[in-house]
Amino acid sequence: YQCDWSSDVCSSDLPDLPHRLLGANPRTTLAVWAVAFLAWPLAMLAHAAIPSTPSGPLFLLLAPAVLVVAAFGGWPAGVIATAAALAGVPESTGPEGRYAIDAGVFVAVSLGSTAFGEWLKRSRSATARATRDLQAREAHLTSILETIPDAMVVIDEHGVMRSFSKAAERLFGYVRDDVLGRNVSM
């Protein structure tokens, strides 16, 4: 991993699937997998506190962990968390035949949660990319305004000043902070 810890952005040369399982940021990945692996023992303790209950409530307690893992790790992590939860719930947690029904419902809910988690992860990634692009464009415009020799004032569709160059400060006698957000007619 190569990380810029100030912006929490990491990149990797790993192939796609292992990279998706490990996540884009090692710190976030560790926290997510810790939640997933702590959810199982906590669910088992809660299940043990309620005597003679079927496996359904135990699966229900594990479902949020699958959603969290899928939201941060995407579909591969969600599938692994679902499989781990299925492997961790003993078949003897309910009446005969009931385990298969509970497990089937859990798998259906977990796969739905995994799909939703993947969508959340992609949305978060798209938002982060758009934010980085916007910040880069803003920095580019600012550098142009700082170096252009002519006075430049950028206004929006309502005539409100959004940018004011150093040359405009010298020409008009106003300080940038005093004019930004005001109408250009001043």
N, C-alpha and C. Protein backbone atom coordinates (compact mmCIF):
# COMPACT_ATOMS: atom_id res chain seq x y z
N TYR A 1 0.83 -1.20 0.00
CA TYR A 1 0.00 0.00 0.00
C TYR A 1 0.87 1.25 0.00
N GLN A 2 0.41 2.26 -0.72
CA GLN A 2 0.99 3.58 -0.65
C GLN A 2 -0.13 4.49 -0.18
N CYS A 3 0.06 5.15 0.95
CA CYS A 3 -1.02 5.93 1.54
C CYS A 3 -0.62 7.37 1.78
N ASP A 4 -1.56 8.27 1.53
CA ASP A 4 -1.44 9.65 1.94
C ASP A 4 -2.34 9.76 3.17
N TRP A 5 -1.77 9.61 4.36
CA TRP A 5 -2.58 9.54 5.58
C TRP A 5 -3.29 10.83 5.88
N SER A 6 -2.80 11.96 5.37
CA SER A 6 -3.49 13.23 5.63
C SER A 6 -4.85 13.28 4.95
N SER A 7 -4.97 12.65 3.76
CA SER A 7 -6.25 12.66 3.06
C SER A 7 -6.94 11.31 3.13
N ASP A 8 -6.32 10.32 3.81
CA ASP A 8 -6.91 8.99 3.96
C ASP A 8 -7.09 8.28 2.63
N VAL A 9 -6.24 8.58 1.64
CA VAL A 9 -6.33 7.95 0.33
C VAL A 9 -5.16 6.98 0.18
N CYS A 10 -5.48 5.75 -0.21
CA CYS A 10 -4.46 4.73 -0.39
C CYS A 10 -4.60 4.11 -1.77
N SER A 11 -3.49 3.64 -2.30
CA SER A 11 -3.53 2.91 -3.57
C SER A 11 -2.73 1.65 -3.41
N SER A 12 -3.00 0.69 -4.28
CA SER A 12 -2.31 -0.59 -4.18
C SER A 12 -2.09 -1.15 -5.57
N ASP A 13 -1.04 -1.95 -5.71
CA ASP A 13 -0.79 -2.64 -6.96
C ASP A 13 -1.38 -4.05 -6.94
N LEU A 14 -2.17 -4.36 -5.90
CA LEU A 14 -2.76 -5.68 -5.79
C LEU A 14 -3.80 -5.91 -6.88
N PRO A 15 -4.01 -7.16 -7.31
CA PRO A 15 -5.10 -7.44 -8.24
C PRO A 15 -6.44 -7.03 -7.62
N ASP A 16 -7.47 -6.91 -8.44
CA ASP A 16 -8.75 -6.35 -8.01
C ASP A 16 -9.39 -7.09 -6.84
N LEU A 17 -9.54 -8.41 -6.90
CA LEU A 17 -10.27 -9.13 -5.86
C LEU A 17 -9.58 -9.04 -4.50
N PRO A 18 -8.28 -9.35 -4.38
CA PRO A 18 -7.66 -9.19 -3.05
C PRO A 18 -7.72 -7.75 -2.57
N HIS A 19 -7.56 -6.80 -3.49
CA HIS A 19 -7.63 -5.39 -3.10
C HIS A 19 -9.01 -5.07 -2.55
N ARG A 20 -10.06 -5.60 -3.17
CA ARG A 20 -11.42 -5.35 -2.69
C ARG A 20 -11.66 -6.00 -1.34
N LEU A 21 -11.06 -7.18 -1.11
CA LEU A 21 -11.23 -7.84 0.18
C LEU A 21 -10.50 -7.08 1.27
N LEU A 22 -9.33 -6.54 0.93
CA LEU A 22 -8.54 -5.82 1.92
C LEU A 22 -9.03 -4.38 2.10
N GLY A 23 -9.66 -3.82 1.09
CA GLY A 23 -10.17 -2.46 1.19
C GLY A 23 -9.14 -1.45 0.71
N ALA A 24 -9.61 -0.23 0.46
CA ALA A 24 -8.74 0.82 -0.06
C ALA A 24 -7.89 1.45 1.03
N ASN A 25 -8.33 1.36 2.27
CA ASN A 25 -7.61 1.98 3.37
C ASN A 25 -7.40 0.95 4.46
N PRO A 26 -6.17 0.63 4.80
CA PRO A 26 -5.92 -0.42 5.80
C PRO A 26 -6.55 -0.14 7.16
N ARG A 27 -6.58 1.12 7.59
CA ARG A 27 -7.18 1.42 8.90
C ARG A 27 -8.67 1.13 8.90
N THR A 28 -9.38 1.56 7.86
CA THR A 28 -10.81 1.30 7.77
C THR A 28 -11.06 -0.20 7.68
N THR A 29 -10.24 -0.89 6.89
CA THR A 29 -10.40 -2.32 6.72
C THR A 29 -10.28 -3.06 8.04
N LEU A 30 -9.29 -2.72 8.84
CA LEU A 30 -9.12 -3.38 10.13
C LEU A 30 -10.33 -3.15 11.02
N ALA A 31 -10.85 -1.93 11.03
CA ALA A 31 -12.02 -1.62 11.87
C ALA A 31 -13.23 -2.42 11.41
N VAL A 32 -13.45 -2.51 10.11
CA VAL A 32 -14.61 -3.23 9.58
C VAL A 32 -14.52 -4.71 9.90
N TRP A 33 -13.35 -5.31 9.66
CA TRP A 33 -13.23 -6.74 9.94
C TRP A 33 -13.28 -7.01 11.43
N ALA A 34 -12.84 -6.09 12.25
CA ALA A 34 -12.96 -6.25 13.71
C ALA A 34 -14.43 -6.28 14.11
N VAL A 35 -15.23 -5.39 13.52
CA VAL A 35 -16.67 -5.40 13.79
C VAL A 35 -17.27 -6.74 13.37
N ALA A 36 -16.88 -7.21 12.20
CA ALA A 36 -17.44 -8.47 11.70
C ALA A 36 -17.08 -9.64 12.61
N PHE A 37 -15.84 -9.72 13.04
CA PHE A 37 -15.43 -10.87 13.84
C PHE A 37 -15.85 -10.75 15.30
N LEU A 38 -16.09 -9.55 15.78
CA LEU A 38 -16.62 -9.38 17.13
C LEU A 38 -18.13 -9.61 17.16
N ALA A 39 -18.80 -9.42 16.03
CA ALA A 39 -20.25 -9.60 15.99
C ALA A 39 -20.63 -11.05 16.28
N TRP A 40 -19.85 -12.01 15.79
CA TRP A 40 -20.21 -13.41 15.98
C TRP A 40 -20.18 -13.81 17.45
N PRO A 41 -19.08 -13.55 18.21
CA PRO A 41 -19.11 -13.94 19.62
C PRO A 41 -20.17 -13.18 20.42
N LEU A 42 -20.38 -11.90 20.08
CA LEU A 42 -21.42 -11.14 20.78
C LEU A 42 -22.79 -11.72 20.50
N ALA A 43 -23.03 -12.10 19.25
CA ALA A 43 -24.32 -12.73 18.91
C ALA A 43 -24.48 -14.06 19.64
N MET A 44 -23.40 -14.83 19.74
CA MET A 44 -23.47 -16.11 20.45
C MET A 44 -23.76 -15.90 21.93
N LEU A 45 -23.16 -14.88 22.53
CA LEU A 45 -23.43 -14.58 23.94
C LEU A 45 -24.88 -14.16 24.14
N ALA A 46 -25.37 -13.30 23.25
CA ALA A 46 -26.77 -12.87 23.35
C ALA A 46 -27.70 -14.05 23.15
N HIS A 47 -27.37 -14.92 22.24
CA HIS A 47 -28.19 -16.10 21.97
C HIS A 47 -28.18 -17.06 23.15
N ALA A 48 -27.02 -17.20 23.79
CA ALA A 48 -26.90 -18.09 24.95
C ALA A 48 -27.68 -17.54 26.15
N ALA A 49 -27.84 -16.23 26.21
CA ALA A 49 -28.58 -15.63 27.32
C ALA A 49 -30.07 -15.94 27.24
N ILE A 50 -30.55 -16.30 26.06
CA ILE A 50 -31.96 -16.63 25.87
C ILE A 50 -32.04 -18.15 25.70
N PRO A 51 -32.47 -18.87 26.72
CA PRO A 51 -32.45 -20.33 26.63
C PRO A 51 -33.44 -20.88 25.60
N SER A 52 -33.03 -21.93 24.97
CA SER A 52 -33.83 -22.72 24.01
C SER A 52 -34.50 -21.89 22.93
N THR A 53 -33.75 -21.02 22.29
CA THR A 53 -34.29 -20.27 21.16
C THR A 53 -33.78 -20.89 19.87
N PRO A 54 -34.56 -20.77 18.80
CA PRO A 54 -34.10 -21.32 17.52
C PRO A 54 -32.96 -20.49 16.94
N SER A 55 -32.43 -20.96 15.80
CA SER A 55 -31.29 -20.30 15.19
C SER A 55 -31.66 -18.97 14.54
N GLY A 56 -32.93 -18.72 14.26
CA GLY A 56 -33.36 -17.49 13.60
C GLY A 56 -32.87 -16.23 14.29
N PRO A 57 -33.09 -16.08 15.62
CA PRO A 57 -32.60 -14.87 16.29
C PRO A 57 -31.08 -14.73 16.22
N LEU A 58 -30.37 -15.84 16.24
CA LEU A 58 -28.90 -15.77 16.14
C LEU A 58 -28.50 -15.23 14.78
N PHE A 59 -29.14 -15.72 13.73
CA PHE A 59 -28.87 -15.20 12.39
C PHE A 59 -29.24 -13.72 12.31
N LEU A 60 -30.34 -13.36 12.95
CA LEU A 60 -30.79 -11.97 12.94
C LEU A 60 -29.76 -11.07 13.60
N LEU A 61 -29.10 -11.55 14.64
CA LEU A 61 -28.07 -10.77 15.32
C LEU A 61 -26.82 -10.61 14.46
N LEU A 62 -26.58 -11.54 13.55
CA LEU A 62 -25.38 -11.48 12.70
C LEU A 62 -25.60 -10.66 11.42
N ALA A 63 -26.84 -10.43 11.03
CA ALA A 63 -27.13 -9.73 9.78
C ALA A 63 -26.54 -8.31 9.73
N PRO A 64 -26.62 -7.50 10.81
CA PRO A 64 -26.01 -6.16 10.72
C PRO A 64 -24.50 -6.19 10.46
N ALA A 65 -23.82 -7.20 10.99
CA ALA A 65 -22.38 -7.30 10.75
C ALA A 65 -22.10 -7.52 9.28
N VAL A 66 -22.92 -8.32 8.62
CA VAL A 66 -22.75 -8.55 7.18
C VAL A 66 -22.94 -7.24 6.42
N LEU A 67 -23.94 -6.46 6.79
CA LEU A 67 -24.20 -5.18 6.12
C LEU A 67 -23.01 -4.23 6.29
N VAL A 68 -22.47 -4.14 7.51
CA VAL A 68 -21.33 -3.25 7.75
C VAL A 68 -20.12 -3.67 6.93
N VAL A 69 -19.83 -4.96 6.94
CA VAL A 69 -18.68 -5.46 6.18
C VAL A 69 -18.87 -5.21 4.70
N ALA A 70 -20.08 -5.46 4.18
CA ALA A 70 -20.34 -5.25 2.75
C ALA A 70 -20.27 -3.76 2.39
N ALA A 71 -20.73 -2.90 3.28
CA ALA A 71 -20.71 -1.46 2.99
C ALA A 71 -19.30 -0.93 2.85
N PHE A 72 -18.35 -1.51 3.60
CA PHE A 72 -16.98 -1.03 3.52
C PHE A 72 -16.09 -1.91 2.65
N GLY A 73 -16.41 -3.18 2.51
CA GLY A 73 -15.56 -4.09 1.75
C GLY A 73 -16.14 -4.52 0.43
N GLY A 74 -17.41 -4.17 0.15
CA GLY A 74 -18.04 -4.55 -1.11
C GLY A 74 -18.58 -5.97 -1.09
N TRP A 75 -18.97 -6.44 -2.26
CA TRP A 75 -19.63 -7.75 -2.34
C TRP A 75 -18.73 -8.92 -1.95
N PRO A 76 -17.42 -8.93 -2.28
CA PRO A 76 -16.63 -10.09 -1.86
C PRO A 76 -16.58 -10.24 -0.34
N ALA A 77 -16.40 -9.11 0.35
CA ALA A 77 -16.34 -9.15 1.81
C ALA A 77 -17.69 -9.56 2.39
N GLY A 78 -18.79 -9.09 1.79
CA GLY A 78 -20.12 -9.47 2.25
C GLY A 78 -20.39 -10.95 2.11
N VAL A 79 -19.95 -11.53 1.00
CA VAL A 79 -20.13 -12.97 0.78
C VAL A 79 -19.30 -13.76 1.78
N ILE A 80 -18.06 -13.32 2.03
CA ILE A 80 -17.21 -14.01 3.00
C ILE A 80 -17.82 -13.91 4.40
N ALA A 81 -18.33 -12.74 4.76
CA ALA A 81 -18.96 -12.57 6.08
C ALA A 81 -20.20 -13.45 6.21
N THR A 82 -20.97 -13.58 5.14
CA THR A 82 -22.15 -14.45 5.16
C THR A 82 -21.73 -15.90 5.37
N ALA A 83 -20.73 -16.33 4.63
CA ALA A 83 -20.25 -17.71 4.76
C ALA A 83 -19.69 -17.95 6.16
N ALA A 84 -18.96 -16.99 6.70
CA ALA A 84 -18.40 -17.14 8.04
C ALA A 84 -19.51 -17.24 9.09
N ALA A 85 -20.56 -16.44 8.91
CA ALA A 85 -21.68 -16.49 9.85
C ALA A 85 -22.38 -17.84 9.76
N LEU A 86 -22.58 -18.34 8.54
CA LEU A 86 -23.22 -19.66 8.38
C LEU A 86 -22.38 -20.76 9.02
N ALA A 87 -21.07 -20.66 8.84
CA ALA A 87 -20.18 -21.67 9.42
C ALA A 87 -20.14 -21.58 10.93
N GLY A 88 -20.37 -20.39 11.47
CA GLY A 88 -20.27 -20.19 12.91
C GLY A 88 -21.50 -20.53 13.71
N VAL A 89 -22.65 -20.66 13.05
CA VAL A 89 -23.88 -20.97 13.76
C VAL A 89 -24.08 -22.49 13.77
N PRO A 90 -24.06 -23.10 14.94
CA PRO A 90 -24.22 -24.55 14.99
C PRO A 90 -25.63 -24.97 14.60
N GLU A 91 -25.73 -26.13 13.95
CA GLU A 91 -27.03 -26.62 13.52
C GLU A 91 -27.92 -27.02 14.68
N SER A 92 -27.36 -27.19 15.83
CA SER A 92 -28.14 -27.65 16.98
C SER A 92 -28.83 -26.50 17.70
N THR A 93 -28.94 -25.32 17.08
CA THR A 93 -29.54 -24.17 17.76
C THR A 93 -31.04 -24.09 17.60
N GLY A 94 -31.68 -25.12 17.20
CA GLY A 94 -33.13 -25.07 17.07
C GLY A 94 -33.72 -26.41 16.72
N PRO A 95 -35.06 -26.47 16.56
CA PRO A 95 -35.70 -27.73 16.20
C PRO A 95 -35.23 -28.22 14.84
N GLU A 96 -35.34 -29.51 14.64
CA GLU A 96 -34.89 -30.11 13.39
C GLU A 96 -35.66 -29.53 12.20
N GLY A 97 -34.96 -29.21 11.14
CA GLY A 97 -35.58 -28.63 9.95
C GLY A 97 -35.67 -27.12 10.01
N ARG A 98 -35.68 -26.56 11.20
CA ARG A 98 -35.80 -25.11 11.34
C ARG A 98 -34.50 -24.40 10.95
N TYR A 99 -33.36 -25.04 11.18
CA TYR A 99 -32.08 -24.44 10.86
C TYR A 99 -31.98 -24.14 9.37
N ALA A 100 -32.42 -25.06 8.53
CA ALA A 100 -32.34 -24.86 7.08
C ALA A 100 -33.18 -23.66 6.66
N ILE A 101 -34.34 -23.50 7.25
CA ILE A 101 -35.20 -22.35 6.92
C ILE A 101 -34.54 -21.05 7.38
N ASP A 102 -34.06 -21.07 8.64
CA ASP A 102 -33.40 -19.86 9.17
C ASP A 102 -32.16 -19.51 8.36
N ALA A 103 -31.37 -20.51 8.01
CA ALA A 103 -30.17 -20.27 7.22
C ALA A 103 -30.51 -19.74 5.83
N GLY A 104 -31.55 -20.28 5.22
CA GLY A 104 -31.98 -19.80 3.90
C GLY A 104 -32.43 -18.35 3.93
N VAL A 105 -33.21 -18.00 4.96
CA VAL A 105 -33.65 -16.61 5.10
C VAL A 105 -32.44 -15.71 5.36
N PHE A 106 -31.51 -16.17 6.20
CA PHE A 106 -30.31 -15.38 6.49
C PHE A 106 -29.50 -15.13 5.23
N VAL A 107 -29.32 -16.18 4.42
CA VAL A 107 -28.55 -16.02 3.17
C VAL A 107 -29.24 -15.02 2.25
N ALA A 108 -30.56 -15.10 2.13
CA ALA A 108 -31.29 -14.16 1.27
C ALA A 108 -31.14 -12.72 1.78
N VAL A 109 -31.32 -12.53 3.09
CA VAL A 109 -31.18 -11.19 3.67
C VAL A 109 -29.73 -10.70 3.54
N SER A 110 -28.77 -11.60 3.77
CA SER A 110 -27.36 -11.21 3.68
C SER A 110 -26.96 -10.85 2.27
N LEU A 111 -27.45 -11.59 1.28
CA LEU A 111 -27.13 -11.24 -0.10
C LEU A 111 -27.74 -9.91 -0.49
N GLY A 112 -28.97 -9.66 -0.01
CA GLY A 112 -29.57 -8.33 -0.23
C GLY A 112 -28.77 -7.24 0.45
N SER A 113 -28.35 -7.50 1.68
CA SER A 113 -27.52 -6.53 2.41
C SER A 113 -26.18 -6.32 1.72
N THR A 114 -25.63 -7.40 1.17
CA THR A 114 -24.36 -7.31 0.46
C THR A 114 -24.51 -6.45 -0.79
N ALA A 115 -25.59 -6.63 -1.53
CA ALA A 115 -25.83 -5.80 -2.72
C ALA A 115 -25.98 -4.33 -2.31
N PHE A 116 -26.73 -4.09 -1.25
CA PHE A 116 -26.90 -2.72 -0.77
C PHE A 116 -25.57 -2.16 -0.28
N GLY A 117 -24.80 -2.98 0.43
CA GLY A 117 -23.48 -2.55 0.90
C GLY A 117 -22.55 -2.21 -0.24
N GLU A 118 -22.58 -3.02 -1.30
CA GLU A 118 -21.76 -2.73 -2.49
C GLU A 118 -22.17 -1.39 -3.09
N TRP A 119 -23.48 -1.13 -3.16
CA TRP A 119 -23.97 0.14 -3.69
C TRP A 119 -23.48 1.29 -2.81
N LEU A 120 -23.54 1.12 -1.47
CA LEU A 120 -23.05 2.16 -0.57
C LEU A 120 -21.56 2.43 -0.78
N LYS A 121 -20.80 1.36 -0.94
CA LYS A 121 -19.35 1.51 -1.14
C LYS A 121 -19.07 2.25 -2.43
N ARG A 122 -19.75 1.87 -3.50
CA ARG A 122 -19.54 2.56 -4.78
C ARG A 122 -19.96 4.02 -4.72
N SER A 123 -21.06 4.29 -4.03
CA SER A 123 -21.52 5.68 -3.89
C SER A 123 -20.50 6.51 -3.12
N ARG A 124 -19.96 5.92 -2.05
CA ARG A 124 -18.96 6.61 -1.25
C ARG A 124 -17.71 6.88 -2.08
N SER A 125 -17.31 5.91 -2.87
CA SER A 125 -16.12 6.07 -3.73
C SER A 125 -16.35 7.14 -4.78
N ALA A 126 -17.53 7.13 -5.39
CA ALA A 126 -17.84 8.14 -6.42
C ALA A 126 -17.87 9.54 -5.81
N THR A 127 -18.42 9.66 -4.62
CA THR A 127 -18.45 10.96 -3.95
C THR A 127 -17.05 11.43 -3.61
N ALA A 128 -16.21 10.53 -3.14
CA ALA A 128 -14.83 10.89 -2.81
C ALA A 128 -14.08 11.33 -4.05
N ARG A 129 -14.28 10.59 -5.17
CA ARG A 129 -13.63 10.97 -6.44
C ARG A 129 -14.09 12.34 -6.89
N ALA A 130 -15.40 12.59 -6.84
CA ALA A 130 -15.94 13.87 -7.27
C ALA A 130 -15.41 15.01 -6.40
N THR A 131 -15.29 14.76 -5.11
CA THR A 131 -14.76 15.77 -4.20
C THR A 131 -13.31 16.08 -4.51
N ARG A 132 -12.50 15.02 -4.74
CA ARG A 132 -11.09 15.24 -5.09
C ARG A 132 -10.97 16.01 -6.40
N ASP A 133 -11.79 15.67 -7.40
CA ASP A 133 -11.76 16.38 -8.68
C ASP A 133 -12.14 17.85 -8.50
N LEU A 134 -13.16 18.09 -7.71
CA LEU A 134 -13.60 19.46 -7.46
C LEU A 134 -12.52 20.26 -6.74
N GLN A 135 -11.86 19.65 -5.77
CA GLN A 135 -10.78 20.33 -5.06
C GLN A 135 -9.61 20.63 -6.00
N ALA A 136 -9.31 19.70 -6.90
CA ALA A 136 -8.23 19.92 -7.86
C ALA A 136 -8.56 21.07 -8.81
N ARG A 137 -9.82 21.11 -9.28
CA ARG A 137 -10.22 22.21 -10.17
C ARG A 137 -10.19 23.55 -9.44
N GLU A 138 -10.62 23.53 -8.19
CA GLU A 138 -10.61 24.76 -7.39
C GLU A 138 -9.18 25.25 -7.19
N ALA A 139 -8.27 24.34 -6.91
CA ALA A 139 -6.86 24.72 -6.72
C ALA A 139 -6.28 25.25 -8.03
N HIS A 140 -6.67 24.65 -9.15
CA HIS A 140 -6.19 25.11 -10.46
C HIS A 140 -6.69 26.53 -10.74
N LEU A 141 -7.96 26.77 -10.50
CA LEU A 141 -8.52 28.10 -10.73
C LEU A 141 -7.86 29.12 -9.80
N THR A 142 -7.64 28.75 -8.57
CA THR A 142 -6.99 29.65 -7.63
C THR A 142 -5.58 29.99 -8.09
N SER A 143 -4.85 28.99 -8.58
CA SER A 143 -3.49 29.28 -9.04
C SER A 143 -3.50 30.19 -10.26
N ILE A 144 -4.49 30.04 -11.13
CA ILE A 144 -4.60 30.94 -12.28
C ILE A 144 -4.89 32.35 -11.81
N LEU A 145 -5.84 32.49 -10.87
CA LEU A 145 -6.19 33.81 -10.37
C LEU A 145 -5.04 34.49 -9.66
N GLU A 146 -4.20 33.71 -9.01
CA GLU A 146 -3.05 34.27 -8.28
C GLU A 146 -1.95 34.75 -9.21
N THR A 147 -1.86 34.16 -10.41
CA THR A 147 -0.73 34.48 -11.28
C THR A 147 -1.09 35.32 -12.50
N ILE A 148 -2.35 35.48 -12.79
CA ILE A 148 -2.73 36.24 -13.99
C ILE A 148 -2.39 37.73 -13.79
N PRO A 149 -1.81 38.36 -14.80
CA PRO A 149 -1.39 39.76 -14.63
C PRO A 149 -2.56 40.76 -14.72
N ASP A 150 -3.65 40.36 -15.36
CA ASP A 150 -4.80 41.26 -15.50
C ASP A 150 -5.79 41.03 -14.35
N ALA A 151 -6.57 42.08 -14.07
CA ALA A 151 -7.60 41.96 -13.04
C ALA A 151 -8.67 40.98 -13.53
N MET A 152 -9.01 40.02 -12.68
CA MET A 152 -10.05 39.06 -13.05
C MET A 152 -11.01 38.89 -11.89
N VAL A 153 -12.30 39.06 -12.20
CA VAL A 153 -13.36 38.87 -11.23
C VAL A 153 -14.30 37.82 -11.80
N VAL A 154 -14.54 36.76 -11.06
CA VAL A 154 -15.44 35.69 -11.49
C VAL A 154 -16.74 35.87 -10.73
N ILE A 155 -17.86 35.93 -11.50
CA ILE A 155 -19.17 36.10 -10.87
C ILE A 155 -20.07 34.93 -11.25
N ASP A 156 -21.11 34.70 -10.45
CA ASP A 156 -22.07 33.65 -10.79
C ASP A 156 -23.22 34.26 -11.59
N GLU A 157 -24.25 33.48 -11.86
CA GLU A 157 -25.36 33.93 -12.71
C GLU A 157 -26.18 35.06 -12.09
N HIS A 158 -26.00 35.33 -10.79
CA HIS A 158 -26.73 36.40 -10.11
C HIS A 158 -25.86 37.64 -9.91
N GLY A 159 -24.65 37.62 -10.44
CA GLY A 159 -23.75 38.76 -10.32
C GLY A 159 -22.98 38.80 -9.01
N VAL A 160 -23.02 37.70 -8.25
CA VAL A 160 -22.30 37.64 -6.98
C VAL A 160 -20.86 37.22 -7.26
N MET A 161 -19.91 37.96 -6.70
CA MET A 161 -18.50 37.68 -6.94
C MET A 161 -18.07 36.41 -6.19
N ARG A 162 -17.46 35.50 -6.93
CA ARG A 162 -17.00 34.22 -6.38
C ARG A 162 -15.47 34.15 -6.28
N SER A 163 -14.78 34.88 -7.16
CA SER A 163 -13.31 34.94 -7.14
C SER A 163 -12.88 36.36 -7.47
N PHE A 164 -11.75 36.74 -6.90
CA PHE A 164 -11.24 38.09 -7.06
C PHE A 164 -9.72 37.98 -7.07
N SER A 165 -9.08 38.30 -8.21
CA SER A 165 -7.64 38.11 -8.35
C SER A 165 -6.84 39.17 -7.59
N LYS A 166 -5.55 38.89 -7.40
CA LYS A 166 -4.64 39.85 -6.75
C LYS A 166 -4.57 41.14 -7.58
N ALA A 167 -4.55 40.99 -8.92
CA ALA A 167 -4.50 42.18 -9.78
C ALA A 167 -5.78 43.00 -9.63
N ALA A 168 -6.93 42.34 -9.43
CA ALA A 168 -8.18 43.06 -9.20
C ALA A 168 -8.14 43.81 -7.87
N GLU A 169 -7.50 43.23 -6.87
CA GLU A 169 -7.34 43.93 -5.58
C GLU A 169 -6.55 45.22 -5.78
N ARG A 170 -5.46 45.13 -6.55
CA ARG A 170 -4.64 46.33 -6.80
C ARG A 170 -5.40 47.37 -7.63
N LEU A 171 -6.12 46.91 -8.67
CA LEU A 171 -6.81 47.83 -9.57
C LEU A 171 -8.01 48.51 -8.90
N PHE A 172 -8.83 47.74 -8.17
CA PHE A 172 -10.07 48.29 -7.61
C PHE A 172 -9.92 48.76 -6.16
N GLY A 173 -8.84 48.38 -5.50
CA GLY A 173 -8.61 48.84 -4.14
C GLY A 173 -9.38 48.08 -3.07
N TYR A 174 -9.98 46.97 -3.41
CA TYR A 174 -10.70 46.16 -2.43
C TYR A 174 -9.89 44.91 -2.08
N VAL A 175 -10.07 44.43 -0.86
CA VAL A 175 -9.45 43.18 -0.44
C VAL A 175 -10.42 42.05 -0.78
N ARG A 176 -9.88 40.95 -1.24
CA ARG A 176 -10.68 39.80 -1.68
C ARG A 176 -11.75 39.42 -0.65
N ASP A 177 -11.39 39.31 0.61
CA ASP A 177 -12.34 38.88 1.64
C ASP A 177 -13.50 39.85 1.81
N ASP A 178 -13.30 41.12 1.45
CA ASP A 178 -14.36 42.11 1.59
C ASP A 178 -15.38 42.06 0.44
N VAL A 179 -14.99 41.53 -0.71
CA VAL A 179 -15.90 41.56 -1.86
C VAL A 179 -16.53 40.22 -2.19
N LEU A 180 -15.89 39.13 -1.81
CA LEU A 180 -16.46 37.82 -2.14
C LEU A 180 -17.82 37.65 -1.47
N GLY A 181 -18.79 37.19 -2.28
CA GLY A 181 -20.16 37.02 -1.78
C GLY A 181 -21.02 38.25 -1.99
N ARG A 182 -20.46 39.34 -2.47
CA ARG A 182 -21.23 40.57 -2.71
C ARG A 182 -21.47 40.71 -4.20
N ASN A 183 -22.43 41.58 -4.57
CA ASN A 183 -22.78 41.79 -5.97
C ASN A 183 -21.71 42.63 -6.65
N VAL A 184 -21.44 42.31 -7.92
CA VAL A 184 -20.40 42.97 -8.69
C VAL A 184 -20.71 44.44 -8.94
N SER A 185 -21.96 44.86 -8.80
CA SER A 185 -22.33 46.26 -9.07
C SER A 185 -21.70 47.23 -8.10
N MET A 186 -21.12 46.73 -7.02
CA MET A 186 -20.48 47.63 -6.04
C MET A 186 -19.27 48.30 -6.67
